[in-house]
Amino acid sequence: MTGKQAGFSRTIDIAAPAARVWDVMRDVERWAEWTASVTSIRRLGSGPLAAGSKLEIRQPKLPPAVWTVVEVIEGRSFTSTTGGPGVLVTARHWIEPIPSGCRVSLSLAFTGFFGGIVARLCRTLNNRYLDLEAAGLKRRSEGG
């Protein structure tokens, strides 16, 4: 695919150990319990979250999408992709230990011929969903 990349990101500090945040983050089927940006996530397969895992994600105001996990760094991050003709969306969830707990970075990158157009059309929704996910992950991880 060709075209420019457009992206969105959020970084938030969480007063919880990185291991705790990782446990919350990798338990994808429970995300709807802590973020309003997700209606449901269903694993299409079994086993641990790993490269090749497929997730059917339903979100308000968006059609259902199947995301494929392309990389997992155990205890640290996972990256997944979805897309359609002319657009690839890459989501990255990254945890970095810091003295007060950890810093989490969430990002969405849109690439491909239509990537920039789709990103612009969904700008407000993408920013809102990243805010909801970051705040929900913080609440869930710090709340025990």
C-alpha atoms as a PDB file:
ATOM      1  CA  MET A   1       0.000   0.000   0.000  1.00  0.00           C
ATOM      2  CA  THR A   2       1.187   3.495  -0.684  1.00  0.00           C
ATOM      3  CA  GLY A   3       0.147   6.785   0.795  1.00  0.00           C
ATOM      4  CA  LYS A   4       0.941   8.876   3.827  1.00  0.00           C
ATOM      5  CA  GLN A   5       0.544   7.718   7.381  1.00  0.00           C
ATOM      6  CA  ALA A   6      -1.859   9.421   9.764  1.00  0.00           C
ATOM      7  CA  GLY A   7      -1.976   8.577  13.427  1.00  0.00           C
ATOM      8  CA  PHE A   8      -3.316   9.164  16.886  1.00  0.00           C
ATOM      9  CA  SER A   9      -1.755   8.408  20.265  1.00  0.00           C
ATOM     10  CA  ARG A  10      -2.183   8.763  23.988  1.00  0.00           C
ATOM     11  CA  THR A  11       0.284   8.289  26.827  1.00  0.00           C
ATOM     12  CA  ILE A  12      -0.796   7.923  30.428  1.00  0.00           C
ATOM     13  CA  ASP A  13       1.022   7.193  33.683  1.00  0.00           C
ATOM     14  CA  ILE A  14      -0.531   4.469  35.807  1.00  0.00           C
ATOM     15  CA  ALA A  15       0.259   3.986  39.496  1.00  0.00           C
ATOM     16  CA  ALA A  16       0.361   0.200  39.249  1.00  0.00           C
ATOM     17  CA  PRO A  17       3.113  -2.293  38.438  1.00  0.00           C
ATOM     18  CA  ALA A  18       3.636  -3.020  34.747  1.00  0.00           C
ATOM     19  CA  ALA A  19       2.747  -6.681  35.381  1.00  0.00           C
ATOM     20  CA  ARG A  20      -0.686  -5.672  36.698  1.00  0.00           C
ATOM     21  CA  VAL A  21      -1.342  -3.392  33.717  1.00  0.00           C
ATOM     22  CA  TRP A  22      -0.197  -6.134  31.326  1.00  0.00           C
ATOM     23  CA  ASP A  23      -2.628  -8.596  32.933  1.00  0.00           C
ATOM     24  CA  VAL A  24      -5.503  -6.156  32.366  1.00  0.00           C
ATOM     25  CA  MET A  25      -4.401  -5.261  28.852  1.00  0.00           C
ATOM     26  CA  ARG A  26      -3.882  -8.793  27.550  1.00  0.00           C
ATOM     27  CA  ASP A  27      -7.251  -9.997  28.901  1.00  0.00           C
ATOM     28  CA  VAL A  28      -8.877  -8.577  25.776  1.00  0.00           C
ATOM     29  CA  GLU A  29     -12.235 -10.302  26.201  1.00  0.00           C
ATOM     30  CA  ARG A  30     -12.856  -8.242  29.362  1.00  0.00           C
ATOM     31  CA  TRP A  31     -12.128  -4.805  27.859  1.00  0.00           C
ATOM     32  CA  ALA A  32     -15.835  -3.980  27.585  1.00  0.00           C
ATOM     33  CA  GLU A  33     -15.905  -4.033  31.418  1.00  0.00           C
ATOM     34  CA  TRP A  34     -13.525  -1.077  31.679  1.00  0.00           C
ATOM     35  CA  THR A  35     -13.734   0.992  28.482  1.00  0.00           C
ATOM     36  CA  ALA A  36     -16.809   2.383  26.753  1.00  0.00           C
ATOM     37  CA  SER A  37     -14.810   2.371  23.501  1.00  0.00           C
ATOM     38  CA  VAL A  38     -15.425  -1.382  23.185  1.00  0.00           C
ATOM     39  CA  THR A  39     -18.778  -3.180  23.112  1.00  0.00           C
ATOM     40  CA  SER A  40     -17.179  -6.633  22.939  1.00  0.00           C
ATOM     41  CA  ILE A  41     -14.044  -8.483  21.933  1.00  0.00           C
ATOM     42  CA  ARG A  42     -14.232 -12.143  21.003  1.00  0.00           C
ATOM     43  CA  ARG A  43     -11.115 -14.256  20.560  1.00  0.00           C
ATOM     44  CA  LEU A  44     -11.280 -16.294  17.361  1.00  0.00           C
ATOM     45  CA  GLY A  45      -9.238 -19.226  18.601  1.00  0.00           C
ATOM     46  CA  SER A  46      -7.672 -20.298  21.847  1.00  0.00           C
ATOM     47  CA  GLY A  47      -4.379 -20.150  23.665  1.00  0.00           C
ATOM     48  CA  PRO A  48      -2.450 -17.143  24.901  1.00  0.00           C
ATOM     49  CA  LEU A  49      -2.500 -13.817  23.102  1.00  0.00           C
ATOM     50  CA  ALA A  50       0.218 -14.265  20.468  1.00  0.00           C
ATOM     51  CA  ALA A  51       1.195 -13.248  16.955  1.00  0.00           C
ATOM     52  CA  GLY A  52      -1.473 -14.682  14.687  1.00  0.00           C
ATOM     53  CA  SER A  53      -4.284 -14.397  17.258  1.00  0.00           C
ATOM     54  CA  LYS A  54      -7.475 -12.992  15.751  1.00  0.00           C
ATOM     55  CA  LEU A  55      -9.928 -10.782  17.625  1.00  0.00           C
ATOM     56  CA  GLU A  56     -13.421  -9.788  16.531  1.00  0.00           C
ATOM     57  CA  ILE A  57     -13.894  -6.309  17.957  1.00  0.00           C
ATOM     58  CA  ARG A  58     -17.205  -4.483  18.164  1.00  0.00           C
ATOM     59  CA  GLN A  59     -17.166  -0.781  18.973  1.00  0.00           C
ATOM     60  CA  PRO A  60     -19.922   1.813  19.128  1.00  0.00           C
ATOM     61  CA  LYS A  61     -20.386   3.714  15.835  1.00  0.00           C
ATOM     62  CA  LEU A  62     -18.066   1.344  13.923  1.00  0.00           C
ATOM     63  CA  PRO A  63     -18.722  -1.884  12.008  1.00  0.00           C
ATOM     64  CA  PRO A  64     -17.375  -5.104  13.581  1.00  0.00           C
ATOM     65  CA  ALA A  65     -13.738  -5.682  12.619  1.00  0.00           C
ATOM     66  CA  VAL A  66     -11.375  -8.633  12.804  1.00  0.00           C
ATOM     67  CA  TRP A  67      -7.969  -7.603  14.100  1.00  0.00           C
ATOM     68  CA  THR A  68      -4.894  -9.798  13.758  1.00  0.00           C
ATOM     69  CA  VAL A  69      -2.204  -9.645  16.435  1.00  0.00           C
ATOM     70  CA  VAL A  70       1.096  -9.207  14.612  1.00  0.00           C
ATOM     71  CA  GLU A  71       3.476  -8.923  17.574  1.00  0.00           C
ATOM     72  CA  VAL A  72       3.472  -9.645  21.290  1.00  0.00           C
ATOM     73  CA  ILE A  73       6.326  -8.762  23.602  1.00  0.00           C
ATOM     74  CA  GLU A  74       5.269 -10.601  26.752  1.00  0.00           C
ATOM     75  CA  GLY A  75       4.717  -8.245  29.665  1.00  0.00           C
ATOM     76  CA  ARG A  76       5.384  -5.184  27.511  1.00  0.00           C
ATOM     77  CA  SER A  77       3.301  -4.728  24.364  1.00  0.00           C
ATOM     78  CA  PHE A  78       1.115  -6.034  21.623  1.00  0.00           C
ATOM     79  CA  THR A  79       0.422  -4.764  18.141  1.00  0.00           C
ATOM     80  CA  SER A  80      -2.534  -5.664  15.929  1.00  0.00           C
ATOM     81  CA  THR A  81      -3.823  -4.720  12.494  1.00  0.00           C
ATOM     82  CA  THR A  82      -7.073  -4.534  10.566  1.00  0.00           C
ATOM     83  CA  GLY A  83      -8.043  -2.946   7.322  1.00  0.00           C
ATOM     84  CA  GLY A  84      -9.846  -2.949   4.053  1.00  0.00           C
ATOM     85  CA  PRO A  85      -9.180  -1.949   0.471  1.00  0.00           C
ATOM     86  CA  GLY A  86      -6.609   0.846   0.488  1.00  0.00           C
ATOM     87  CA  VAL A  87      -6.272   1.193   4.251  1.00  0.00           C
ATOM     88  CA  LEU A  88      -4.368  -0.602   7.005  1.00  0.00           C
ATOM     89  CA  VAL A  89      -4.934   0.314  10.647  1.00  0.00           C
ATOM     90  CA  THR A  90      -2.245  -0.616  13.169  1.00  0.00           C
ATOM     91  CA  ALA A  91      -2.972  -0.447  16.909  1.00  0.00           C
ATOM     92  CA  ARG A  92      -0.129  -0.581  19.399  1.00  0.00           C
ATOM     93  CA  HIS A  93      -0.366  -0.961  23.177  1.00  0.00           C
ATOM     94  CA  TRP A  94       2.932  -0.405  24.983  1.00  0.00           C
ATOM     95  CA  ILE A  95       3.878  -0.513  28.705  1.00  0.00           C
ATOM     96  CA  GLU A  96       7.073   1.030  30.064  1.00  0.00           C
ATOM     97  CA  PRO A  97       8.008   0.679  33.758  1.00  0.00           C
ATOM     98  CA  ILE A  98       8.704   3.967  35.548  1.00  0.00           C
ATOM     99  CA  PRO A  99       9.483   4.632  39.251  1.00  0.00           C
ATOM    100  CA  SER A 100       5.847   5.463  40.100  1.00  0.00           C
ATOM    101  CA  GLY A 101       4.393   2.442  38.259  1.00  0.00           C
ATOM    102  CA  CYS A 102       4.296   2.448  34.472  1.00  0.00           C
ATOM    103  CA  ARG A 103       3.686   4.589  31.433  1.00  0.00           C
ATOM    104  CA  VAL A 104       1.288   3.257  28.807  1.00  0.00           C
ATOM    105  CA  SER A 105       1.271   4.413  25.210  1.00  0.00           C
ATOM    106  CA  LEU A 106      -1.682   3.647  22.949  1.00  0.00           C
ATOM    107  CA  SER A 107      -1.578   4.420  19.261  1.00  0.00           C
ATOM    108  CA  LEU A 108      -3.470   4.005  16.005  1.00  0.00           C
ATOM    109  CA  ALA A 109      -1.732   4.428  12.659  1.00  0.00           C
ATOM    110  CA  PHE A 110      -3.602   4.600   9.348  1.00  0.00           C
ATOM    111  CA  THR A 111      -1.629   3.776   6.206  1.00  0.00           C
ATOM    112  CA  GLY A 112      -2.417   2.972   2.612  1.00  0.00           C
ATOM    113  CA  PHE A 113      -3.941   4.867  -0.271  1.00  0.00           C
ATOM    114  CA  PHE A 114      -7.055   5.821   1.740  1.00  0.00           C
ATOM    115  CA  GLY A 115      -5.392   5.811   5.186  1.00  0.00           C
ATOM    116  CA  GLY A 116      -5.181   9.573   5.537  1.00  0.00           C
ATOM    117  CA  ILE A 117      -8.764  10.093   4.391  1.00  0.00           C
ATOM    118  CA  VAL A 118     -10.144   7.468   6.784  1.00  0.00           C
ATOM    119  CA  ALA A 119      -8.072   8.910   9.644  1.00  0.00           C
ATOM    120  CA  ARG A 120      -9.419  12.416   8.988  1.00  0.00           C
ATOM    121  CA  LEU A 121     -13.016  11.185   8.772  1.00  0.00           C
ATOM    122  CA  CYS A 122     -12.669   9.323  12.076  1.00  0.00           C
ATOM    123  CA  ARG A 123     -10.422  11.838  13.889  1.00  0.00           C
ATOM    124  CA  THR A 124     -12.907  12.816  16.620  1.00  0.00           C
ATOM    125  CA  LEU A 125     -13.982   9.227  17.254  1.00  0.00           C
ATOM    126  CA  ASN A 126     -10.393   7.930  17.336  1.00  0.00           C
ATOM    127  CA  ASN A 127      -9.332  10.605  19.822  1.00  0.00           C
ATOM    128  CA  ARG A 128     -12.389   9.933  22.020  1.00  0.00           C
ATOM    129  CA  TYR A 129     -11.833   6.169  22.005  1.00  0.00           C
ATOM    130  CA  LEU A 130      -8.134   6.495  22.869  1.00  0.00           C
ATOM    131  CA  ASP A 131      -9.069   8.816  25.768  1.00  0.00           C
ATOM    132  CA  LEU A 132     -11.684   6.330  27.006  1.00  0.00           C
ATOM    133  CA  GLU A 133      -9.292   3.391  26.705  1.00  0.00           C
ATOM    134  CA  ALA A 134      -6.445   5.171  28.512  1.00  0.00           C
ATOM    135  CA  ALA A 135      -8.689   6.369  31.368  1.00  0.00           C
ATOM    136  CA  GLY A 136     -10.391   2.982  31.698  1.00  0.00           C
ATOM    137  CA  LEU A 137      -7.099   1.081  31.730  1.00  0.00           C
ATOM    138  CA  LYS A 138      -5.793   3.412  34.444  1.00  0.00           C
ATOM    139  CA  ARG A 139      -8.942   2.969  36.587  1.00  0.00           C
ATOM    140  CA  ARG A 140      -8.968  -0.828  36.175  1.00  0.00           C
ATOM    141  CA  SER A 141      -5.233  -1.259  36.806  1.00  0.00           C
ATOM    142  CA  GLU A 142      -5.050   1.042  39.823  1.00  0.00           C
ATOM    143  CA  GLY A 143      -8.309  -0.272  41.288  1.00  0.00           C
ATOM    144  CA  GLY A 144      -7.080  -3.827  41.747  1.00  0.00           C
END
